[in-house]
Amino acid sequence: MRWTVGTGVHLLVSDIYESPALHGVFVDLFRGGVATLCHPVRLDCLTTPRVRVTVLPVAYEGAAQIPCRAVAELVE
């Protein structure tokens, strides 16, 4: 988690939600300026190893988790 924050990454796409084993990891990422997109769907539709991800969240001050849409553009 410290490595991720240290790289300057601003978005982490994760296939898991926080569990007891990961307690506090996502809060630490948020504090480090890293937003997370958890449990994305339809990843099997991506056909290239690289994509550009745009996340369209609803603006809701103070929320830690909210539903959002994510758009992946194929990068060739």
N, C-alpha and C. Protein backbone atom coordinates (compact mmCIF):
# COMPACT_ATOMS: atom_id res chain seq x y z
N MET A 1 0.82 -1.17 0.00
CA MET A 1 0.00 0.00 0.00
C MET A 1 0.88 1.24 0.00
N ARG A 2 1.94 1.26 0.80
CA ARG A 2 2.85 2.41 0.81
C ARG A 2 3.50 2.61 -0.55
N TRP A 3 3.86 1.50 -1.19
CA TRP A 3 4.46 1.59 -2.52
C TRP A 3 3.47 2.23 -3.50
N THR A 4 2.21 1.81 -3.47
CA THR A 4 1.20 2.35 -4.37
C THR A 4 1.05 3.86 -4.17
N VAL A 5 0.93 4.30 -2.94
CA VAL A 5 0.82 5.73 -2.65
C VAL A 5 2.07 6.47 -3.12
N GLY A 6 3.23 5.88 -2.92
CA GLY A 6 4.49 6.51 -3.28
C GLY A 6 4.72 6.66 -4.78
N THR A 7 4.03 5.89 -5.60
CA THR A 7 4.24 5.96 -7.05
C THR A 7 3.55 7.16 -7.69
N GLY A 8 2.63 7.78 -6.98
CA GLY A 8 1.88 8.89 -7.56
C GLY A 8 0.63 8.45 -8.29
N VAL A 9 0.27 7.19 -8.17
CA VAL A 9 -0.96 6.67 -8.78
C VAL A 9 -2.16 7.37 -8.13
N HIS A 10 -3.16 7.72 -8.93
CA HIS A 10 -4.35 8.39 -8.40
C HIS A 10 -5.59 7.51 -8.41
N LEU A 11 -5.52 6.37 -9.11
CA LEU A 11 -6.67 5.47 -9.19
C LEU A 11 -6.18 4.04 -9.15
N LEU A 12 -6.77 3.25 -8.27
CA LEU A 12 -6.47 1.82 -8.17
C LEU A 12 -7.76 1.05 -8.45
N VAL A 13 -7.73 0.17 -9.42
CA VAL A 13 -8.87 -0.69 -9.72
C VAL A 13 -8.61 -2.02 -9.03
N SER A 14 -9.53 -2.41 -8.16
CA SER A 14 -9.33 -3.60 -7.33
C SER A 14 -10.51 -4.55 -7.50
N ASP A 15 -10.22 -5.84 -7.52
CA ASP A 15 -11.31 -6.81 -7.65
C ASP A 15 -11.81 -7.28 -6.29
N ILE A 16 -11.45 -6.58 -5.22
CA ILE A 16 -11.91 -6.96 -3.88
C ILE A 16 -12.40 -5.73 -3.12
N TYR A 17 -13.25 -5.98 -2.15
CA TYR A 17 -13.63 -4.95 -1.19
C TYR A 17 -12.77 -5.14 0.04
N GLU A 18 -12.77 -4.18 0.93
CA GLU A 18 -11.98 -4.31 2.14
C GLU A 18 -12.56 -5.45 2.98
N SER A 19 -11.69 -6.30 3.46
CA SER A 19 -12.07 -7.43 4.30
C SER A 19 -11.34 -7.29 5.63
N PRO A 20 -11.68 -8.12 6.62
CA PRO A 20 -10.95 -8.04 7.89
C PRO A 20 -9.43 -8.19 7.71
N ALA A 21 -9.01 -8.97 6.74
CA ALA A 21 -7.58 -9.17 6.50
C ALA A 21 -6.91 -7.90 5.97
N LEU A 22 -7.69 -7.04 5.32
CA LEU A 22 -7.16 -5.81 4.73
C LEU A 22 -7.60 -4.57 5.50
N HIS A 23 -8.04 -4.74 6.71
CA HIS A 23 -8.62 -3.65 7.48
C HIS A 23 -7.74 -2.39 7.46
N GLY A 24 -8.31 -1.28 7.02
CA GLY A 24 -7.61 -0.01 6.99
C GLY A 24 -6.85 0.30 5.72
N VAL A 25 -6.68 -0.66 4.85
CA VAL A 25 -5.89 -0.43 3.63
C VAL A 25 -6.53 0.63 2.76
N PHE A 26 -7.81 0.55 2.52
CA PHE A 26 -8.46 1.51 1.63
C PHE A 26 -8.49 2.90 2.24
N VAL A 27 -8.68 3.01 3.54
CA VAL A 27 -8.64 4.31 4.21
C VAL A 27 -7.26 4.94 4.04
N ASP A 28 -6.21 4.14 4.20
CA ASP A 28 -4.85 4.65 4.00
C ASP A 28 -4.61 5.08 2.55
N LEU A 29 -5.18 4.34 1.61
CA LEU A 29 -5.06 4.74 0.21
C LEU A 29 -5.76 6.08 -0.02
N PHE A 30 -6.98 6.24 0.52
CA PHE A 30 -7.71 7.51 0.37
C PHE A 30 -6.91 8.66 0.94
N ARG A 31 -6.35 8.46 2.12
CA ARG A 31 -5.55 9.51 2.76
C ARG A 31 -4.31 9.84 1.94
N GLY A 32 -3.81 8.87 1.19
CA GLY A 32 -2.64 9.09 0.34
C GLY A 32 -3.01 9.65 -1.02
N GLY A 33 -4.28 9.97 -1.24
CA GLY A 33 -4.71 10.56 -2.51
C GLY A 33 -5.01 9.56 -3.60
N VAL A 34 -5.17 8.29 -3.23
CA VAL A 34 -5.47 7.25 -4.22
C VAL A 34 -6.93 6.84 -4.10
N ALA A 35 -7.72 7.13 -5.14
CA ALA A 35 -9.10 6.68 -5.19
C ALA A 35 -9.12 5.21 -5.63
N THR A 36 -10.13 4.48 -5.22
CA THR A 36 -10.22 3.07 -5.62
C THR A 36 -11.55 2.78 -6.28
N LEU A 37 -11.50 1.95 -7.27
CA LEU A 37 -12.68 1.43 -7.94
C LEU A 37 -12.72 -0.05 -7.61
N CYS A 38 -13.68 -0.45 -6.80
CA CYS A 38 -13.73 -1.84 -6.32
C CYS A 38 -14.75 -2.67 -7.08
N HIS A 39 -14.37 -3.89 -7.31
CA HIS A 39 -15.23 -4.90 -7.92
C HIS A 39 -15.81 -4.47 -9.27
N PRO A 40 -14.94 -4.12 -10.23
CA PRO A 40 -15.45 -3.77 -11.56
C PRO A 40 -16.02 -5.00 -12.26
N VAL A 41 -16.93 -4.78 -13.17
CA VAL A 41 -17.56 -5.88 -13.91
C VAL A 41 -17.21 -5.77 -15.39
N ARG A 42 -17.39 -6.88 -16.09
CA ARG A 42 -17.21 -6.99 -17.53
C ARG A 42 -15.78 -6.75 -17.99
N LEU A 43 -14.83 -7.05 -17.12
CA LEU A 43 -13.43 -6.92 -17.51
C LEU A 43 -13.08 -7.87 -18.65
N ASP A 44 -13.85 -8.94 -18.79
CA ASP A 44 -13.60 -9.90 -19.86
C ASP A 44 -13.82 -9.28 -21.25
N CYS A 45 -14.46 -8.12 -21.31
CA CYS A 45 -14.70 -7.45 -22.59
C CYS A 45 -13.49 -6.67 -23.08
N LEU A 46 -12.51 -6.47 -22.21
CA LEU A 46 -11.32 -5.72 -22.61
C LEU A 46 -10.41 -6.63 -23.43
N THR A 47 -9.96 -6.12 -24.56
CA THR A 47 -9.19 -6.97 -25.48
C THR A 47 -7.74 -6.54 -25.64
N THR A 48 -7.33 -5.49 -24.95
CA THR A 48 -5.94 -5.04 -25.02
C THR A 48 -5.33 -5.03 -23.61
N PRO A 49 -4.02 -5.15 -23.50
CA PRO A 49 -3.40 -5.16 -22.18
C PRO A 49 -3.42 -3.80 -21.48
N ARG A 50 -3.65 -2.72 -22.24
CA ARG A 50 -3.69 -1.38 -21.65
C ARG A 50 -5.02 -0.71 -21.98
N VAL A 51 -5.57 -0.03 -20.99
CA VAL A 51 -6.78 0.76 -21.20
C VAL A 51 -6.64 2.09 -20.47
N ARG A 52 -7.40 3.06 -20.91
CA ARG A 52 -7.51 4.34 -20.20
C ARG A 52 -8.86 4.30 -19.48
N VAL A 53 -8.82 4.49 -18.17
CA VAL A 53 -10.04 4.37 -17.36
C VAL A 53 -10.52 5.76 -16.95
N THR A 54 -11.80 6.00 -17.15
CA THR A 54 -12.45 7.21 -16.66
C THR A 54 -13.56 6.77 -15.72
N VAL A 55 -13.56 7.31 -14.52
CA VAL A 55 -14.57 6.96 -13.52
C VAL A 55 -15.50 8.15 -13.34
N LEU A 56 -16.80 7.88 -13.36
CA LEU A 56 -17.82 8.92 -13.26
C LEU A 56 -18.61 8.75 -11.97
N PRO A 57 -18.07 9.23 -10.85
CA PRO A 57 -18.78 9.09 -9.58
C PRO A 57 -19.82 10.19 -9.40
N VAL A 58 -20.71 9.97 -8.48
CA VAL A 58 -21.66 10.99 -8.07
C VAL A 58 -20.96 11.81 -6.98
N ALA A 59 -21.02 13.12 -7.07
CA ALA A 59 -20.38 13.96 -6.06
C ALA A 59 -21.21 13.90 -4.77
N TYR A 60 -20.60 13.36 -3.74
CA TYR A 60 -21.29 13.23 -2.45
C TYR A 60 -20.26 13.42 -1.36
N GLU A 61 -20.21 14.63 -0.81
CA GLU A 61 -19.19 14.99 0.16
C GLU A 61 -19.25 14.10 1.41
N GLY A 62 -18.07 13.62 1.81
CA GLY A 62 -17.95 12.83 3.03
C GLY A 62 -18.18 11.34 2.86
N ALA A 63 -18.58 10.90 1.68
CA ALA A 63 -18.83 9.47 1.46
C ALA A 63 -17.52 8.74 1.21
N ALA A 64 -17.41 7.54 1.75
CA ALA A 64 -16.22 6.71 1.52
C ALA A 64 -16.46 5.74 0.37
N GLN A 65 -17.70 5.33 0.17
CA GLN A 65 -18.03 4.41 -0.92
C GLN A 65 -19.34 4.83 -1.56
N ILE A 66 -19.32 4.95 -2.89
CA ILE A 66 -20.52 5.28 -3.63
C ILE A 66 -20.51 4.51 -4.95
N PRO A 67 -21.67 4.20 -5.49
CA PRO A 67 -21.70 3.56 -6.80
C PRO A 67 -21.23 4.55 -7.87
N CYS A 68 -20.65 4.04 -8.93
CA CYS A 68 -20.20 4.89 -10.02
C CYS A 68 -20.16 4.09 -11.32
N ARG A 69 -20.01 4.79 -12.39
CA ARG A 69 -19.80 4.16 -13.70
C ARG A 69 -18.33 4.33 -14.05
N ALA A 70 -17.79 3.33 -14.71
CA ALA A 70 -16.42 3.40 -15.19
C ALA A 70 -16.41 3.09 -16.66
N VAL A 71 -15.62 3.83 -17.41
CA VAL A 71 -15.50 3.65 -18.85
C VAL A 71 -14.04 3.31 -19.15
N ALA A 72 -13.82 2.23 -19.89
CA ALA A 72 -12.47 1.84 -20.27
C ALA A 72 -12.32 2.04 -21.78
N GLU A 73 -11.36 2.87 -22.16
CA GLU A 73 -11.06 3.09 -23.57
C GLU A 73 -9.85 2.23 -23.93
N LEU A 74 -9.95 1.48 -25.01
CA LEU A 74 -8.84 0.64 -25.43
C LEU A 74 -7.70 1.50 -25.93
N VAL A 75 -6.49 1.17 -25.49
CA VAL A 75 -5.28 1.88 -25.91
C VAL A 75 -4.45 0.90 -26.73
N GLU A 76 -4.16 1.27 -27.94
CA GLU A 76 -3.40 0.37 -28.81
C GLU A 76 -1.93 0.67 -28.77
